[in-house]
C-alpha atoms as a PDB file:
ATOM      1  CA  MET A   1     223.646 210.176-122.649  1.00  0.00           C
ATOM      2  CA  LYS A   2     220.735 211.206-120.443  1.00  0.00           C
ATOM      3  CA  PRO A   3     217.791 212.398-122.612  1.00  0.00           C
ATOM      4  CA  ARG A   4     216.825 216.017-122.299  1.00  0.00           C
ATOM      5  CA  THR A   5     213.606 216.812-120.475  1.00  0.00           C
ATOM      6  CA  GLN A   6     210.683 217.498-122.772  1.00  0.00           C
ATOM      7  CA  VAL A   7     208.486 220.364-121.599  1.00  0.00           C
ATOM      8  CA  VAL A   8     205.150 221.442-123.097  1.00  0.00           C
ATOM      9  CA  VAL A   9     203.669 224.684-121.782  1.00  0.00           C
ATOM     10  CA  LEU A  10     199.941 225.195-122.206  1.00  0.00           C
ATOM     11  CA  ASP A  11     199.059 228.858-121.709  1.00  0.00           C
ATOM     12  CA  SER A  12     196.064 230.974-122.696  1.00  0.00           C
ATOM     13  CA  LEU A  13     198.383 234.010-123.051  1.00  0.00           C
ATOM     14  CA  GLU A  14     196.016 236.433-121.375  1.00  0.00           C
ATOM     15  CA  TYR A  15     196.751 240.021-120.263  1.00  0.00           C
ATOM     16  CA  CYS A  16     199.524 239.129-117.792  1.00  0.00           C
ATOM     17  CA  ALA A  17     201.385 236.719-120.074  1.00  0.00           C
ATOM     18  CA  ASN A  18     204.545 237.459-122.051  1.00  0.00           C
ATOM     19  CA  VAL A  19     206.074 234.897-124.413  1.00  0.00           C
ATOM     20  CA  LYS A  20     209.450 236.590-123.925  1.00  0.00           C
ATOM     21  CA  ASN A  21     209.522 235.028-120.467  1.00  0.00           C
ATOM     22  CA  LEU A  22     210.023 231.655-122.135  1.00  0.00           C
ATOM     23  CA  GLU A  23     213.000 232.717-124.260  1.00  0.00           C
ATOM     24  CA  GLY A  24     216.047 230.583-123.658  1.00  0.00           C
ATOM     25  CA  LEU A  25     214.209 227.487-122.460  1.00  0.00           C
ATOM     26  CA  ALA A  26     214.906 225.651-125.707  1.00  0.00           C
ATOM     27  CA  GLN A  27     218.651 225.847-124.943  1.00  0.00           C
ATOM     28  CA  ASN A  28     218.262 223.366-122.093  1.00  0.00           C
ATOM     29  CA  LEU A  29     214.996 221.610-122.826  1.00  0.00           C
ATOM     30  CA  THR A  30     212.983 220.089-125.626  1.00  0.00           C
ATOM     31  CA  PHE A  31     210.382 222.818-125.390  1.00  0.00           C
ATOM     32  CA  LYS A  32     207.028 223.623-126.964  1.00  0.00           C
ATOM     33  CA  LEU A  33     204.469 226.364-126.278  1.00  0.00           C
ATOM     34  CA  VAL A  34     200.787 225.687-126.961  1.00  0.00           C
ATOM     35  CA  ASN A  35     198.447 228.676-126.943  1.00  0.00           C
ATOM     36  CA  GLY A  36     195.245 227.300-125.447  1.00  0.00           C
ATOM     37  CA  ASN A  37     192.995 227.060-122.405  1.00  0.00           C
ATOM     38  CA  ILE A  38     193.024 224.316-119.758  1.00  0.00           C
ATOM     39  CA  ARG A  39     189.192 224.333-119.875  1.00  0.00           C
ATOM     40  CA  SER A  40     189.361 222.812-123.362  1.00  0.00           C
ATOM     41  CA  ALA A  41     189.036 219.102-122.673  1.00  0.00           C
ATOM     42  CA  ASP A  42     189.756 218.049-126.253  1.00  0.00           C
ATOM     43  CA  LEU A  43     192.937 220.134-126.384  1.00  0.00           C
ATOM     44  CA  VAL A  44     194.244 218.923-123.032  1.00  0.00           C
ATOM     45  CA  ARG A  45     193.543 215.310-123.934  1.00  0.00           C
ATOM     46  CA  HIS A  46     195.224 215.787-127.341  1.00  0.00           C
ATOM     47  CA  ILE A  47     198.392 217.203-125.733  1.00  0.00           C
ATOM     48  CA  LEU A  48     198.660 214.412-123.193  1.00  0.00           C
ATOM     49  CA  VAL A  49     198.354 211.751-125.911  1.00  0.00           C
ATOM     50  CA  THR A  50     200.428 213.264-128.703  1.00  0.00           C
ATOM     51  CA  GLU A  51     203.220 214.548-126.436  1.00  0.00           C
ATOM     52  CA  ASP A  52     203.294 211.427-124.229  1.00  0.00           C
ATOM     53  CA  ILE A  53     203.074 213.554-121.039  1.00  0.00           C
ATOM     54  CA  ASP A  54     203.983 211.747-117.793  1.00  0.00           C
ATOM     55  CA  THR A  55     204.012 214.700-115.338  1.00  0.00           C
ATOM     56  CA  ILE A  56     201.724 217.708-114.971  1.00  0.00           C
ATOM     57  CA  MET A  57     202.801 220.834-113.077  1.00  0.00           C
ATOM     58  CA  HIS A  58     199.503 222.671-112.685  1.00  0.00           C
ATOM     59  CA  PHE A  59     200.353 226.371-112.211  1.00  0.00           C
ATOM     60  CA  ALA A  60     197.528 227.738-114.392  1.00  0.00           C
ATOM     61  CA  ALA A  61     195.153 229.932-112.388  1.00  0.00           C
ATOM     62  CA  GLU A  62     193.516 233.293-111.946  1.00  0.00           C
ATOM     63  CA  THR A  63     195.453 234.616-108.933  1.00  0.00           C
ATOM     64  CA  HIS A  64     194.889 238.350-108.417  1.00  0.00           C
ATOM     65  CA  VAL A  65     192.701 238.624-105.312  1.00  0.00           C
ATOM     66  CA  ASP A  66     191.451 242.134-106.131  1.00  0.00           C
ATOM     67  CA  ASN A  67     190.085 240.889-109.447  1.00  0.00           C
ATOM     68  CA  SER A  68     188.278 238.025-107.747  1.00  0.00           C
ATOM     69  CA  PHE A  69     185.985 240.410-105.902  1.00  0.00           C
ATOM     70  CA  GLY A  70     184.648 241.875-109.160  1.00  0.00           C
ATOM     71  CA  ASN A  71     184.924 238.947-111.565  1.00  0.00           C
ATOM     72  CA  SER A  72     184.526 235.872-109.389  1.00  0.00           C
ATOM     73  CA  PHE A  73     182.948 233.627-112.053  1.00  0.00           C
ATOM     74  CA  THR A  74     186.177 233.729-114.049  1.00  0.00           C
ATOM     75  CA  PHE A  75     188.059 232.421-111.005  1.00  0.00           C
ATOM     76  CA  THR A  76     185.629 229.519-110.624  1.00  0.00           C
ATOM     77  CA  GLU A  77     185.801 228.716-114.334  1.00  0.00           C
ATOM     78  CA  THR A  78     189.604 228.700-114.531  1.00  0.00           C
ATOM     79  CA  ASN A  79     190.633 227.490-111.081  1.00  0.00           C
ATOM     80  CA  VAL A  80     187.905 224.905-110.454  1.00  0.00           C
ATOM     81  CA  LEU A  81     186.606 223.828-113.861  1.00  0.00           C
ATOM     82  CA  GLY A  82     190.071 224.083-115.426  1.00  0.00           C
ATOM     83  CA  THR A  83     191.523 221.850-112.722  1.00  0.00           C
ATOM     84  CA  HIS A  84     188.681 219.387-113.185  1.00  0.00           C
ATOM     85  CA  VAL A  85     189.366 219.180-116.912  1.00  0.00           C
ATOM     86  CA  LEU A  86     193.043 218.411-116.256  1.00  0.00           C
ATOM     87  CA  LEU A  87     192.159 215.756-113.701  1.00  0.00           C
ATOM     88  CA  GLU A  88     189.695 214.049-116.011  1.00  0.00           C
ATOM     89  CA  ALA A  89     192.270 214.042-118.825  1.00  0.00           C
ATOM     90  CA  CYS A  90     194.742 212.421-116.442  1.00  0.00           C
ATOM     91  CA  ARG A  91     192.173 209.786-115.493  1.00  0.00           C
ATOM     92  CA  LEU A  92     191.729 208.868-119.126  1.00  0.00           C
ATOM     93  CA  SER A  93     195.458 208.909-119.803  1.00  0.00           C
ATOM     94  CA  ASN A  94     197.714 205.899-119.556  1.00  0.00           C
ATOM     95  CA  THR A  95     200.881 207.966-119.281  1.00  0.00           C
ATOM     96  CA  VAL A  96     200.484 210.539-116.464  1.00  0.00           C
ATOM     97  CA  ARG A  97     202.344 209.334-113.382  1.00  0.00           C
ATOM     98  CA  ARG A  98     202.366 212.505-111.251  1.00  0.00           C
ATOM     99  CA  PHE A  99     200.122 215.555-110.891  1.00  0.00           C
ATOM    100  CA  VAL A 100     201.624 218.510-108.999  1.00  0.00           C
ATOM    101  CA  HIS A 101     198.845 220.913-108.051  1.00  0.00           C
ATOM    102  CA  VAL A 102     200.007 224.422-107.173  1.00  0.00           C
ATOM    103  CA  SER A 103     197.704 225.959-104.580  1.00  0.00           C
ATOM    104  CA  THR A 104     198.129 228.858-102.141  1.00  0.00           C
ATOM    105  CA  ASP A 105     198.575 229.566 -98.429  1.00  0.00           C
ATOM    106  CA  GLU A 106     195.361 231.609 -98.636  1.00  0.00           C
ATOM    107  CA  VAL A 107     193.280 228.427 -98.462  1.00  0.00           C
ATOM    108  CA  TYR A 108     194.056 228.371 -94.710  1.00  0.00           C
ATOM    109  CA  GLY A 109     192.357 231.712 -94.232  1.00  0.00           C
ATOM    110  CA  GLU A 110     193.478 234.318 -91.734  1.00  0.00           C
ATOM    111  CA  ALA A 111     196.224 233.172 -89.333  1.00  0.00           C
ATOM    112  CA  SER A 112     196.583 234.060 -85.661  1.00  0.00           C
ATOM    113  CA  PHE A 113     198.834 236.935 -84.592  1.00  0.00           C
ATOM    114  CA  HIS A 114     200.365 234.917 -81.761  1.00  0.00           C
ATOM    115  CA  GLY A 115     203.355 233.409 -83.529  1.00  0.00           C
ATOM    116  CA  SER A 116     201.413 230.441 -84.876  1.00  0.00           C
ATOM    117  CA  SER A 117     201.668 229.113 -88.403  1.00  0.00           C
ATOM    118  CA  SER A 118     199.482 227.011 -90.654  1.00  0.00           C
ATOM    119  CA  SER A 119     200.601 223.402 -91.119  1.00  0.00           C
ATOM    120  CA  GLU A 120     199.577 220.865 -93.714  1.00  0.00           C
ATOM    121  CA  SER A 121     198.057 218.378 -91.282  1.00  0.00           C
ATOM    122  CA  ASP A 122     196.783 220.438 -88.349  1.00  0.00           C
ATOM    123  CA  SER A 123     195.119 223.465 -90.002  1.00  0.00           C
ATOM    124  CA  MET A 124     191.630 223.527 -91.474  1.00  0.00           C
ATOM    125  CA  LEU A 125     190.917 225.181 -94.796  1.00  0.00           C
ATOM    126  CA  ALA A 126     188.973 228.385 -94.242  1.00  0.00           C
ATOM    127  CA  PRO A 127     189.207 230.582 -97.357  1.00  0.00           C
ATOM    128  CA  THR A 128     187.836 234.108 -97.047  1.00  0.00           C
ATOM    129  CA  ASN A 129     187.712 235.465-100.621  1.00  0.00           C
ATOM    130  CA  PRO A 130     186.550 234.160-104.022  1.00  0.00           C
ATOM    131  CA  TYR A 131     190.127 233.482-105.170  1.00  0.00           C
ATOM    132  CA  SER A 132     191.140 231.371-102.170  1.00  0.00           C
ATOM    133  CA  ALA A 133     187.753 229.612-102.172  1.00  0.00           C
ATOM    134  CA  SER A 134     188.273 228.564-105.804  1.00  0.00           C
ATOM    135  CA  LYS A 135     191.768 227.241-104.981  1.00  0.00           C
ATOM    136  CA  ALA A 136     190.429 225.284-101.994  1.00  0.00           C
ATOM    137  CA  ALA A 137     187.682 223.789-104.199  1.00  0.00           C
ATOM    138  CA  ALA A 138     190.328 222.763-106.752  1.00  0.00           C
ATOM    139  CA  GLU A 139     192.303 221.047-104.002  1.00  0.00           C
ATOM    140  CA  MET A 140     189.261 219.032-102.985  1.00  0.00           C
ATOM    141  CA  LEU A 141     188.887 217.807-106.551  1.00  0.00           C
ATOM    142  CA  VAL A 142     192.546 216.761-106.683  1.00  0.00           C
ATOM    143  CA  ILE A 143     192.241 214.864-103.391  1.00  0.00           C
ATOM    144  CA  ALA A 144     188.999 213.220-104.568  1.00  0.00           C
ATOM    145  CA  TYR A 145     190.667 211.967-107.760  1.00  0.00           C
ATOM    146  CA  GLY A 146     193.483 210.599-105.647  1.00  0.00           C
ATOM    147  CA  THR A 147     190.979 208.634-103.563  1.00  0.00           C
ATOM    148  CA  SER A 148     188.619 207.553-106.341  1.00  0.00           C
ATOM    149  CA  TYR A 149     191.083 206.926-109.149  1.00  0.00           C
ATOM    150  CA  ASN A 150     194.427 206.555-107.356  1.00  0.00           C
ATOM    151  CA  LEU A 151     195.802 209.709-108.991  1.00  0.00           C
ATOM    152  CA  GLN A 152     199.392 210.217-107.833  1.00  0.00           C
ATOM    153  CA  TYR A 153     199.220 213.865-106.837  1.00  0.00           C
ATOM    154  CA  VAL A 154     201.203 216.330-104.743  1.00  0.00           C
ATOM    155  CA  ILE A 155     199.694 219.643-103.543  1.00  0.00           C
ATOM    156  CA  THR A 156     201.738 222.746-102.761  1.00  0.00           C
ATOM    157  CA  ARG A 157     200.547 225.710-100.703  1.00  0.00           C
ATOM    158  CA  GLY A 158     202.837 228.673-101.201  1.00  0.00           C
ATOM    159  CA  ASN A 159     203.014 232.263-100.042  1.00  0.00           C
ATOM    160  CA  ASN A 160     203.615 235.353-102.164  1.00  0.00           C
ATOM    161  CA  VAL A 161     206.450 235.245-104.698  1.00  0.00           C
ATOM    162  CA  TYR A 162     208.373 238.194-106.153  1.00  0.00           C
ATOM    163  CA  GLY A 163     211.116 238.472-108.724  1.00  0.00           C
ATOM    164  CA  PRO A 164     212.108 239.144-112.330  1.00  0.00           C
ATOM    165  CA  ARG A 165     209.395 239.081-115.027  1.00  0.00           C
ATOM    166  CA  GLN A 166     206.541 239.370-112.527  1.00  0.00           C
ATOM    167  CA  PHE A 167     203.507 241.185-113.931  1.00  0.00           C
ATOM    168  CA  PRO A 168     203.164 244.588-112.203  1.00  0.00           C
ATOM    169  CA  GLU A 169     199.669 244.072-110.836  1.00  0.00           C
ATOM    170  CA  LYS A 170     201.341 242.380-107.847  1.00  0.00           C
ATOM    171  CA  ALA A 171     202.399 244.598-104.955  1.00  0.00           C
ATOM    172  CA  ILE A 172     206.199 244.656-105.130  1.00  0.00           C
ATOM    173  CA  PRO A 173     206.690 245.185-108.911  1.00  0.00           C
ATOM    174  CA  LYS A 174     203.777 247.603-108.900  1.00  0.00           C
ATOM    175  CA  PHE A 175     205.363 249.705-106.138  1.00  0.00           C
ATOM    176  CA  ILE A 176     208.758 249.647-107.836  1.00  0.00           C
ATOM    177  CA  HIS A 177     207.365 250.875-111.161  1.00  0.00           C
ATOM    178  CA  LEU A 178     205.393 253.633-109.410  1.00  0.00           C
ATOM    179  CA  LEU A 179     208.445 254.834-107.518  1.00  0.00           C
ATOM    180  CA  HIS A 180     210.453 254.875-110.731  1.00  0.00           C
ATOM    181  CA  ARG A 181     207.851 257.179-112.232  1.00  0.00           C
ATOM    182  CA  GLY A 182     207.546 259.425-109.204  1.00  0.00           C
ATOM    183  CA  GLN A 183     203.988 258.327-108.498  1.00  0.00           C
ATOM    184  CA  LYS A 184     202.382 257.588-105.150  1.00  0.00           C
ATOM    185  CA  ILE A 185     202.008 254.063-103.775  1.00  0.00           C
ATOM    186  CA  PRO A 186     198.354 253.033-103.126  1.00  0.00           C
ATOM    187  CA  ILE A 187     197.904 251.403 -99.725  1.00  0.00           C
ATOM    188  CA  HIS A 188     194.899 249.208 -98.955  1.00  0.00           C
ATOM    189  CA  GLY A 189     193.308 250.365 -95.695  1.00  0.00           C
ATOM    190  CA  SER A 190     195.853 250.638 -92.864  1.00  0.00           C
ATOM    191  CA  GLY A 191     198.575 248.796 -94.800  1.00  0.00           C
ATOM    192  CA  LEU A 192     199.314 246.677 -91.722  1.00  0.00           C
ATOM    193  CA  ALA A 193     198.343 243.294 -93.197  1.00  0.00           C
ATOM    194  CA  LEU A 194     201.178 240.767 -92.764  1.00  0.00           C
ATOM    195  CA  ARG A 195     202.443 238.782 -95.739  1.00  0.00           C
ATOM    196  CA  SER A 196     205.457 236.591 -96.468  1.00  0.00           C
ATOM    197  CA  TYR A 197     207.385 237.117 -99.699  1.00  0.00           C
ATOM    198  CA  MET A 198     209.719 234.582-101.311  1.00  0.00           C
ATOM    199  CA  HIS A 199     212.113 235.222-104.183  1.00  0.00           C
ATOM    200  CA  VAL A 200     211.151 233.321-107.318  1.00  0.00           C
ATOM    201  CA  SER A 201     214.458 231.424-107.328  1.00  0.00           C
ATOM    202  CA  ASP A 202     213.647 229.895-103.928  1.00  0.00           C
ATOM    203  CA  ALA A 203     210.141 229.029-105.092  1.00  0.00           C
ATOM    204  CA  ALA A 204     211.545 227.322-108.199  1.00  0.00           C
ATOM    205  CA  THR A 205     213.906 225.142-106.166  1.00  0.00           C
ATOM    206  CA  ALA A 206     211.017 224.268-103.812  1.00  0.00           C
ATOM    207  CA  PHE A 207     208.931 223.026-106.748  1.00  0.00           C
ATOM    208  CA  ASP A 208     211.908 221.045-108.020  1.00  0.00           C
ATOM    209  CA  PHE A 209     212.328 219.339-104.609  1.00  0.00           C
ATOM    210  CA  ILE A 210     208.625 218.563-104.392  1.00  0.00           C
ATOM    211  CA  LEU A 211     208.443 217.254-107.934  1.00  0.00           C
ATOM    212  CA  HIS A 212     211.315 214.813-107.448  1.00  0.00           C
ATOM    213  CA  LYS A 213     211.192 214.038-103.716  1.00  0.00           C
ATOM    214  CA  GLY A 214     207.644 214.799-102.570  1.00  0.00           C
ATOM    215  CA  LYS A 215     205.566 211.949-101.259  1.00  0.00           C
ATOM    216  CA  ASN A 216     202.664 210.844-103.457  1.00  0.00           C
ATOM    217  CA  GLN A 217     199.341 212.257-102.247  1.00  0.00           C
ATOM    218  CA  GLY A 218     201.282 214.592 -99.985  1.00  0.00           C
ATOM    219  CA  ILE A 219     200.794 218.302 -99.249  1.00  0.00           C
ATOM    220  CA  TYR A 220     203.710 220.734 -98.796  1.00  0.00           C
ATOM    221  CA  ASN A 221     203.770 224.339 -97.639  1.00  0.00           C
ATOM    222  CA  ILE A 222     206.255 226.666 -99.356  1.00  0.00           C
ATOM    223  CA  GLY A 223     206.843 229.641 -97.086  1.00  0.00           C
ATOM    224  CA  ALA A 224     209.400 232.334 -96.362  1.00  0.00           C
ATOM    225  CA  ARG A 225     210.697 232.737 -92.808  1.00  0.00           C
ATOM    226  CA  GLU A 226     210.036 236.479 -92.733  1.00  0.00           C
ATOM    227  CA  GLU A 227     206.800 238.452 -92.591  1.00  0.00           C
ATOM    228  CA  ARG A 228     206.287 241.976 -93.858  1.00  0.00           C
ATOM    229  CA  THR A 229     203.683 244.674 -93.641  1.00  0.00           C
ATOM    230  CA  ILE A 230     203.026 246.911 -96.614  1.00  0.00           C
ATOM    231  CA  MET A 231     203.701 249.934 -94.405  1.00  0.00           C
ATOM    232  CA  SER A 232     204.684 250.484 -90.783  1.00  0.00           C
ATOM    233  CA  VAL A 233     206.424 253.032 -88.608  1.00  0.00           C
ATOM    234  CA  ALA A 234     209.412 250.889 -87.711  1.00  0.00           C
ATOM    235  CA  ARG A 235     211.345 247.689 -88.195  1.00  0.00           C
ATOM    236  CA  VAL A 236     210.300 245.243 -85.490  1.00  0.00           C
ATOM    237  CA  ARG A 237     211.761 241.921 -84.375  1.00  0.00           C
ATOM    238  CA  VAL A 238     209.119 239.528 -83.100  1.00  0.00           C
ATOM    239  CA  ASP A 239     209.823 236.716 -80.643  1.00  0.00           C
ATOM    240  CA  THR A 240     208.167 233.518 -81.831  1.00  0.00           C
ATOM    241  CA  CYS A 241     208.957 229.864 -82.120  1.00  0.00           C
ATOM    242  CA  PHE A 242     210.946 230.731 -85.255  1.00  0.00           C
ATOM    243  CA  PRO A 243     214.398 232.138 -84.343  1.00  0.00           C
ATOM    244  CA  ASN A 244     214.805 233.991 -87.664  1.00  0.00           C
ATOM    245  CA  PHE A 245     211.317 235.468 -87.709  1.00  0.00           C
ATOM    246  CA  LEU A 246     211.536 239.097 -88.795  1.00  0.00           C
ATOM    247  CA  LEU A 247     208.828 241.694 -89.399  1.00  0.00           C
ATOM    248  CA  THR A 248     209.786 244.427 -91.842  1.00  0.00           C
ATOM    249  CA  CYS A 249     207.974 246.987 -93.956  1.00  0.00           C
ATOM    250  CA  ILE A 250     207.930 246.775 -97.755  1.00  0.00           C
ATOM    251  CA  VAL A 251     207.332 250.466 -98.413  1.00  0.00           C
ATOM    252  CA  LYS A 252     210.015 251.509 -95.922  1.00  0.00           C
ATOM    253  CA  ASP A 253     212.568 249.185 -97.523  1.00  0.00           C
ATOM    254  CA  LEU A 254     211.700 250.330-101.048  1.00  0.00           C
ATOM    255  CA  CYS A 255     211.754 254.030-100.177  1.00  0.00           C
ATOM    256  CA  LYS A 256     215.107 253.623 -98.484  1.00  0.00           C
ATOM    257  CA  ILE A 257     216.585 252.135-101.642  1.00  0.00           C
ATOM    258  CA  PHE A 258     214.999 254.843-103.813  1.00  0.00           C
ATOM    259  CA  LYS A 259     216.081 257.538-101.308  1.00  0.00           C
ATOM    260  CA  LYS A 260     212.521 258.831-100.966  1.00  0.00           C
ATOM    261  CA  ASP A 261     210.471 259.913 -97.954  1.00  0.00           C
ATOM    262  CA  GLU A 262     207.892 257.176 -97.403  1.00  0.00           C
ATOM    263  CA  THR A 263     205.406 259.606 -95.800  1.00  0.00           C
ATOM    264  CA  GLU A 264     205.280 261.546 -99.053  1.00  0.00           C
ATOM    265  CA  GLN A 265     204.916 258.490-101.293  1.00  0.00           C
ATOM    266  CA  LEU A 266     201.781 256.942 -99.768  1.00  0.00           C
ATOM    267  CA  GLU A 267     198.183 257.222-100.864  1.00  0.00           C
ATOM    268  CA  HIS A 268     195.569 255.338 -98.856  1.00  0.00           C
ATOM    269  CA  VAL A 269     192.828 253.714-100.919  1.00  0.00           C
ATOM    270  CA  THR A 270     189.698 251.739-100.007  1.00  0.00           C
ATOM    271  CA  ASP A 271     190.516 248.360 -98.504  1.00  0.00           C
ATOM    272  CA  ARG A 272     189.362 245.069-100.024  1.00  0.00           C
ATOM    273  CA  ALA A 273     185.877 243.819 -99.152  1.00  0.00           C
ATOM    274  CA  PHE A 274     187.686 241.554 -96.677  1.00  0.00           C
ATOM    275  CA  ASN A 275     191.432 241.640 -96.277  1.00  0.00           C
ATOM    276  CA  ASP A 276     193.050 238.844 -94.247  1.00  0.00           C
ATOM    277  CA  ARG A 277     195.387 240.458 -91.751  1.00  0.00           C
ATOM    278  CA  ARG A 278     197.941 237.626 -91.702  1.00  0.00           C
ATOM    279  CA  TYR A 279     199.105 234.510 -93.526  1.00  0.00           C
ATOM    280  CA  PHE A 280     202.036 232.418 -92.281  1.00  0.00           C
ATOM    281  CA  VAL A 281     202.845 228.779 -93.065  1.00  0.00           C
ATOM    282  CA  ASP A 282     205.116 226.206 -91.519  1.00  0.00           C
ATOM    283  CA  SER A 283     207.517 224.821 -94.184  1.00  0.00           C
ATOM    284  CA  SER A 284     209.319 222.288 -91.962  1.00  0.00           C
ATOM    285  CA  LYS A 285     207.842 219.362 -93.893  1.00  0.00           C
ATOM    286  CA  LEU A 286     209.383 220.680 -97.125  1.00  0.00           C
ATOM    287  CA  GLU A 287     212.669 221.458 -95.367  1.00  0.00           C
ATOM    288  CA  LYS A 288     212.928 217.775 -94.385  1.00  0.00           C
ATOM    289  CA  LEU A 289     213.192 217.005 -98.102  1.00  0.00           C
ATOM    290  CA  GLY A 290     216.372 219.095 -98.162  1.00  0.00           C
ATOM    291  CA  TRP A 291     215.010 222.466 -99.344  1.00  0.00           C
ATOM    292  CA  LYS A 292     215.817 225.731 -97.623  1.00  0.00           C
ATOM    293  CA  GLN A 293     215.241 229.381 -98.366  1.00  0.00           C
ATOM    294  CA  GLU A 294     218.433 230.902 -99.796  1.00  0.00           C
ATOM    295  CA  LYS A 295     217.741 234.344-101.200  1.00  0.00           C
ATOM    296  CA  ASP A 296     218.207 237.214 -98.774  1.00  0.00           C
ATOM    297  CA  TRP A 297     215.371 239.757 -98.900  1.00  0.00           C
ATOM    298  CA  ALA A 298     217.624 242.814 -99.166  1.00  0.00           C
ATOM    299  CA  ILE A 299     219.704 241.352-101.987  1.00  0.00           C
ATOM    300  CA  GLY A 300     216.707 239.972-103.832  1.00  0.00           C
ATOM    301  CA  LEU A 301     214.834 243.268-103.616  1.00  0.00           C
ATOM    302  CA  VAL A 302     217.745 245.359-104.936  1.00  0.00           C
ATOM    303  CA  ARG A 303     218.304 242.974-107.842  1.00  0.00           C
ATOM    304  CA  PHE A 304     214.597 243.036-108.661  1.00  0.00           C
ATOM    305  CA  ILE A 305     214.621 246.844-108.663  1.00  0.00           C
ATOM    306  CA  ASN A 306     217.580 246.814-111.070  1.00  0.00           C
ATOM    307  CA  VAL A 307     215.691 244.495-113.398  1.00  0.00           C
ATOM    308  CA  CYS A 308     212.607 246.706-113.285  1.00  0.00           C
ATOM    309  CA  SER A 309     214.783 249.768-113.978  1.00  0.00           C
ATOM    310  CA  THR A 310     215.869 248.358-117.324  1.00  0.00           C
ATOM    311  CA  SER A 311     212.255 247.596-118.339  1.00  0.00           C
ATOM    312  CA  ASP A 312     210.684 250.948-117.402  1.00  0.00           C
END
């Protein structure tokens, strides 16, 4: 009989965490939750040794861009120092065989509006905010450990994810909860920034493909094929090198489902100190491993709204 996978989750359980999200894992896995911080070198080293860890999936990070403008030191401490602690623990370990570092498409900086996309090999890193700068710095540490100590790493650069159990500081769950309560949706600046959103189920399968099939010391983009503005006046199809490229509007789609007039639901607020107008990544390298985006936006959004309805 094939042994069950043993999973140890190290989590600091801060404001956006919920242990209920982990319910049910023990049914399929040998599972343990450790309440602690990745910046604790002694704790990380202890876990690697006592649990005989052979693979690290490094998701831990401060990720909310708005918070990074007002509390940037926390992002450096968690995203850079925390990553360094993990890497050093791996260097001292005799068991870790693979380090999967979860980064972000924001390390590429603002993308062109002319149908181009950021690729792993051809695009320079040009972060524009404290969050993305801290993630880019963490990537450099991972790559350096690969060169200096032959760490077997894989780096992922993914776009925005939405789906069940997402903390409502992120745009889509935040908008859904506000609409449920009859409150207005705050829009940064013009609301015309372009973002790609992937359902969490597609993101999970992407990580699974990369974990098991990704090339050592490789980098893989994880991106949706569609781009969306927060608000717009219409649904627009854009001709690019991607045949399924589609530009839609999040607020318009949500208000249509809620049967509300979008013009009455919006409230413009001060924009970020700097707000990248567009991110878009080329995921063809990942697709060659066999992964493809499955979840349709309209279906995923409706199901997410239904989940949020039961939690409001």
